[in-house]
Amino acid sequence: MAYTPEMIAELEILALYNLDNHQEGLKVHNNASSRAQYAITRLHQKGLVTQADGGYLTSLGLDAAEHAQALLTILAGQKA
């Protein structure tokens, strides 16, 4: 299975969430790129965020964001 551009856009949104503060949400404004708007809408449809324009992570969304951010850290490489 290959990553689609839609999946990459969703991962990029999940990477924006602050995992240190679960009370901090995101809002994707209507002047954001259509790519970001569609990505956040898909995340909402999948039950990962509370609002169609962002909001807070659901428990499933928190798991996804943690994994997405961990993957980005691993792929970026750790400097010793």
N, C-alpha and C. Protein backbone atom coordinates (compact mmCIF):
# COMPACT_ATOMS: atom_id res chain seq x y z
N MET A 1 0.85 -1.18 0.00
CA MET A 1 0.00 0.00 0.00
C MET A 1 0.89 1.24 0.00
N ALA A 2 0.63 2.13 -0.91
CA ALA A 2 1.40 3.37 -1.00
C ALA A 2 0.63 4.51 -0.35
N TYR A 3 1.37 5.48 0.16
CA TYR A 3 0.73 6.68 0.71
C TYR A 3 0.17 7.50 -0.44
N THR A 4 -1.07 7.95 -0.28
CA THR A 4 -1.68 8.82 -1.28
C THR A 4 -1.44 10.27 -0.89
N PRO A 5 -1.59 11.20 -1.83
CA PRO A 5 -1.47 12.61 -1.47
C PRO A 5 -2.47 13.02 -0.38
N GLU A 6 -3.65 12.39 -0.39
CA GLU A 6 -4.65 12.70 0.63
C GLU A 6 -4.17 12.26 2.02
N MET A 7 -3.56 11.07 2.09
CA MET A 7 -3.02 10.59 3.36
C MET A 7 -1.91 11.50 3.87
N ILE A 8 -1.06 11.92 2.97
CA ILE A 8 0.04 12.81 3.35
C ILE A 8 -0.52 14.11 3.92
N ALA A 9 -1.54 14.66 3.28
CA ALA A 9 -2.16 15.90 3.78
C ALA A 9 -2.76 15.68 5.16
N GLU A 10 -3.37 14.53 5.40
CA GLU A 10 -3.94 14.23 6.71
C GLU A 10 -2.83 14.08 7.75
N LEU A 11 -1.74 13.42 7.39
CA LEU A 11 -0.60 13.29 8.30
C LEU A 11 -0.02 14.66 8.66
N GLU A 12 0.04 15.54 7.66
CA GLU A 12 0.56 16.89 7.92
C GLU A 12 -0.32 17.63 8.92
N ILE A 13 -1.63 17.47 8.82
CA ILE A 13 -2.54 18.10 9.78
C ILE A 13 -2.33 17.49 11.16
N LEU A 14 -2.27 16.17 11.25
CA LEU A 14 -2.08 15.52 12.54
C LEU A 14 -0.76 15.94 13.19
N ALA A 15 0.23 16.24 12.38
CA ALA A 15 1.53 16.66 12.92
C ALA A 15 1.47 18.06 13.53
N LEU A 16 0.44 18.83 13.21
CA LEU A 16 0.32 20.18 13.75
C LEU A 16 -0.23 20.22 15.17
N TYR A 17 -0.87 19.15 15.60
CA TYR A 17 -1.47 19.14 16.94
C TYR A 17 -0.39 19.09 18.02
N ASN A 18 -0.61 19.85 19.08
CA ASN A 18 0.29 19.90 20.22
C ASN A 18 -0.08 18.75 21.16
N LEU A 19 0.75 17.74 21.20
CA LEU A 19 0.46 16.57 22.03
C LEU A 19 0.72 16.82 23.51
N ASP A 20 1.37 17.92 23.83
CA ASP A 20 1.63 18.26 25.23
C ASP A 20 0.43 18.96 25.87
N ASN A 21 -0.52 19.41 25.06
CA ASN A 21 -1.69 20.12 25.57
C ASN A 21 -2.92 19.65 24.81
N HIS A 22 -3.65 18.73 25.40
CA HIS A 22 -4.82 18.15 24.74
C HIS A 22 -6.00 19.12 24.68
N GLN A 23 -5.91 20.23 25.39
CA GLN A 23 -6.97 21.24 25.36
C GLN A 23 -6.72 22.27 24.26
N GLU A 24 -5.66 22.08 23.50
CA GLU A 24 -5.33 22.99 22.40
C GLU A 24 -5.74 22.32 21.09
N GLY A 25 -6.69 22.95 20.41
CA GLY A 25 -7.16 22.40 19.15
C GLY A 25 -6.60 23.16 17.97
N LEU A 26 -7.12 22.86 16.81
CA LEU A 26 -6.75 23.53 15.57
C LEU A 26 -8.00 24.03 14.89
N LYS A 27 -7.86 25.08 14.12
CA LYS A 27 -8.95 25.59 13.28
C LYS A 27 -8.37 25.81 11.90
N VAL A 28 -8.94 25.16 10.92
CA VAL A 28 -8.54 25.35 9.53
C VAL A 28 -9.54 26.35 8.94
N HIS A 29 -9.06 27.55 8.72
CA HIS A 29 -9.92 28.63 8.23
C HIS A 29 -10.25 28.45 6.75
N ASN A 30 -11.29 29.14 6.31
CA ASN A 30 -11.72 29.00 4.92
C ASN A 30 -10.74 29.62 3.93
N ASN A 31 -9.75 30.37 4.43
CA ASN A 31 -8.72 30.90 3.52
C ASN A 31 -7.48 30.01 3.49
N ALA A 32 -7.53 28.87 4.20
CA ALA A 32 -6.44 27.89 4.14
C ALA A 32 -6.49 27.20 2.78
N SER A 33 -5.44 26.50 2.46
CA SER A 33 -5.40 25.79 1.17
C SER A 33 -6.53 24.77 1.12
N SER A 34 -7.00 24.52 -0.08
CA SER A 34 -8.06 23.52 -0.24
C SER A 34 -7.56 22.16 0.21
N ARG A 35 -6.28 21.89 0.04
CA ARG A 35 -5.68 20.63 0.49
C ARG A 35 -5.87 20.45 2.00
N ALA A 36 -5.59 21.52 2.76
CA ALA A 36 -5.75 21.46 4.22
C ALA A 36 -7.22 21.36 4.60
N GLN A 37 -8.07 22.09 3.91
CA GLN A 37 -9.51 22.05 4.21
C GLN A 37 -10.08 20.66 3.97
N TYR A 38 -9.72 20.06 2.86
CA TYR A 38 -10.22 18.71 2.55
C TYR A 38 -9.65 17.69 3.54
N ALA A 39 -8.38 17.87 3.91
CA ALA A 39 -7.75 16.93 4.84
C ALA A 39 -8.44 16.95 6.20
N ILE A 40 -8.72 18.14 6.73
CA ILE A 40 -9.36 18.21 8.04
C ILE A 40 -10.78 17.68 7.97
N THR A 41 -11.46 17.90 6.86
CA THR A 41 -12.80 17.35 6.69
C THR A 41 -12.76 15.82 6.69
N ARG A 42 -11.79 15.24 6.01
CA ARG A 42 -11.66 13.78 6.00
C ARG A 42 -11.33 13.25 7.39
N LEU A 43 -10.47 13.96 8.12
CA LEU A 43 -10.14 13.53 9.48
C LEU A 43 -11.38 13.55 10.36
N HIS A 44 -12.24 14.54 10.16
CA HIS A 44 -13.49 14.61 10.92
C HIS A 44 -14.41 13.45 10.53
N GLN A 45 -14.52 13.18 9.26
CA GLN A 45 -15.37 12.07 8.79
C GLN A 45 -14.89 10.73 9.33
N LYS A 46 -13.60 10.61 9.54
CA LYS A 46 -13.02 9.37 10.08
C LYS A 46 -13.08 9.31 11.60
N GLY A 47 -13.56 10.39 12.22
CA GLY A 47 -13.70 10.40 13.67
C GLY A 47 -12.43 10.74 14.43
N LEU A 48 -11.48 11.39 13.77
CA LEU A 48 -10.21 11.72 14.42
C LEU A 48 -10.21 13.11 15.06
N VAL A 49 -11.06 14.01 14.56
CA VAL A 49 -11.17 15.35 15.14
C VAL A 49 -12.64 15.66 15.39
N THR A 50 -12.90 16.60 16.29
CA THR A 50 -14.26 16.85 16.74
C THR A 50 -15.09 17.74 15.83
N GLN A 51 -14.46 18.53 14.98
CA GLN A 51 -15.18 19.45 14.11
C GLN A 51 -14.71 19.30 12.67
N ALA A 52 -15.58 19.63 11.73
CA ALA A 52 -15.22 19.53 10.31
C ALA A 52 -14.15 20.53 9.90
N ASP A 53 -13.95 21.57 10.73
CA ASP A 53 -12.89 22.55 10.42
C ASP A 53 -11.75 22.45 11.43
N GLY A 54 -11.68 21.35 12.15
CA GLY A 54 -10.58 21.14 13.09
C GLY A 54 -11.08 20.72 14.46
N GLY A 55 -10.96 21.63 15.40
CA GLY A 55 -11.36 21.30 16.76
C GLY A 55 -10.29 20.52 17.48
N TYR A 56 -10.74 19.62 18.34
CA TYR A 56 -9.84 18.84 19.17
C TYR A 56 -9.71 17.43 18.62
N LEU A 57 -8.65 16.76 19.03
CA LEU A 57 -8.47 15.36 18.68
C LEU A 57 -9.42 14.50 19.51
N THR A 58 -10.02 13.52 18.88
CA THR A 58 -10.76 12.51 19.62
C THR A 58 -9.72 11.53 20.20
N SER A 59 -10.16 10.54 20.95
CA SER A 59 -9.18 9.58 21.48
C SER A 59 -8.50 8.82 20.34
N LEU A 60 -9.26 8.49 19.30
CA LEU A 60 -8.67 7.85 18.13
C LEU A 60 -7.72 8.81 17.42
N GLY A 61 -8.12 10.07 17.33
CA GLY A 61 -7.26 11.08 16.72
C GLY A 61 -5.97 11.29 17.48
N LEU A 62 -6.05 11.24 18.81
CA LEU A 62 -4.85 11.37 19.63
C LEU A 62 -3.89 10.23 19.35
N ASP A 63 -4.41 9.02 19.26
CA ASP A 63 -3.56 7.87 18.92
C ASP A 63 -2.91 8.08 17.56
N ALA A 64 -3.70 8.52 16.59
CA ALA A 64 -3.18 8.73 15.23
C ALA A 64 -2.13 9.83 15.22
N ALA A 65 -2.37 10.93 15.92
CA ALA A 65 -1.42 12.04 15.95
C ALA A 65 -0.12 11.61 16.63
N GLU A 66 -0.23 10.83 17.71
CA GLU A 66 0.98 10.34 18.38
C GLU A 66 1.81 9.48 17.43
N HIS A 67 1.15 8.58 16.72
CA HIS A 67 1.86 7.72 15.78
C HIS A 67 2.45 8.52 14.62
N ALA A 68 1.67 9.46 14.09
CA ALA A 68 2.14 10.28 12.97
C ALA A 68 3.36 11.09 13.38
N GLN A 69 3.30 11.70 14.55
CA GLN A 69 4.43 12.52 15.00
C GLN A 69 5.65 11.67 15.34
N ALA A 70 5.42 10.48 15.88
CA ALA A 70 6.53 9.57 16.15
C ALA A 70 7.19 9.13 14.85
N LEU A 71 6.38 8.82 13.85
CA LEU A 71 6.92 8.42 12.55
C LEU A 71 7.76 9.53 11.93
N LEU A 72 7.26 10.77 12.01
CA LEU A 72 8.02 11.89 11.47
C LEU A 72 9.37 12.04 12.18
N THR A 73 9.37 11.85 13.50
CA THR A 73 10.60 11.94 14.27
C THR A 73 11.59 10.85 13.84
N ILE A 74 11.08 9.64 13.67
CA ILE A 74 11.93 8.53 13.25
C ILE A 74 12.50 8.77 11.85
N LEU A 75 11.63 9.18 10.93
CA LEU A 75 12.08 9.38 9.54
C LEU A 75 13.03 10.57 9.41
N ALA A 76 12.85 11.58 10.26
CA ALA A 76 13.73 12.75 10.21
C ALA A 76 15.11 12.39 10.73
N GLY A 77 15.22 11.33 11.53
CA GLY A 77 16.50 10.89 12.08
C GLY A 77 16.85 11.67 13.33
N GLN A 78 17.48 10.99 14.23
CA GLN A 78 17.94 11.59 15.48
C GLN A 78 19.41 11.91 15.35
N LYS A 79 19.77 13.12 15.73
CA LYS A 79 21.19 13.48 15.74
C LYS A 79 21.77 13.13 17.11
N ALA A 80 22.89 12.45 17.08
CA ALA A 80 23.51 12.02 18.34
C ALA A 80 24.30 13.13 18.99
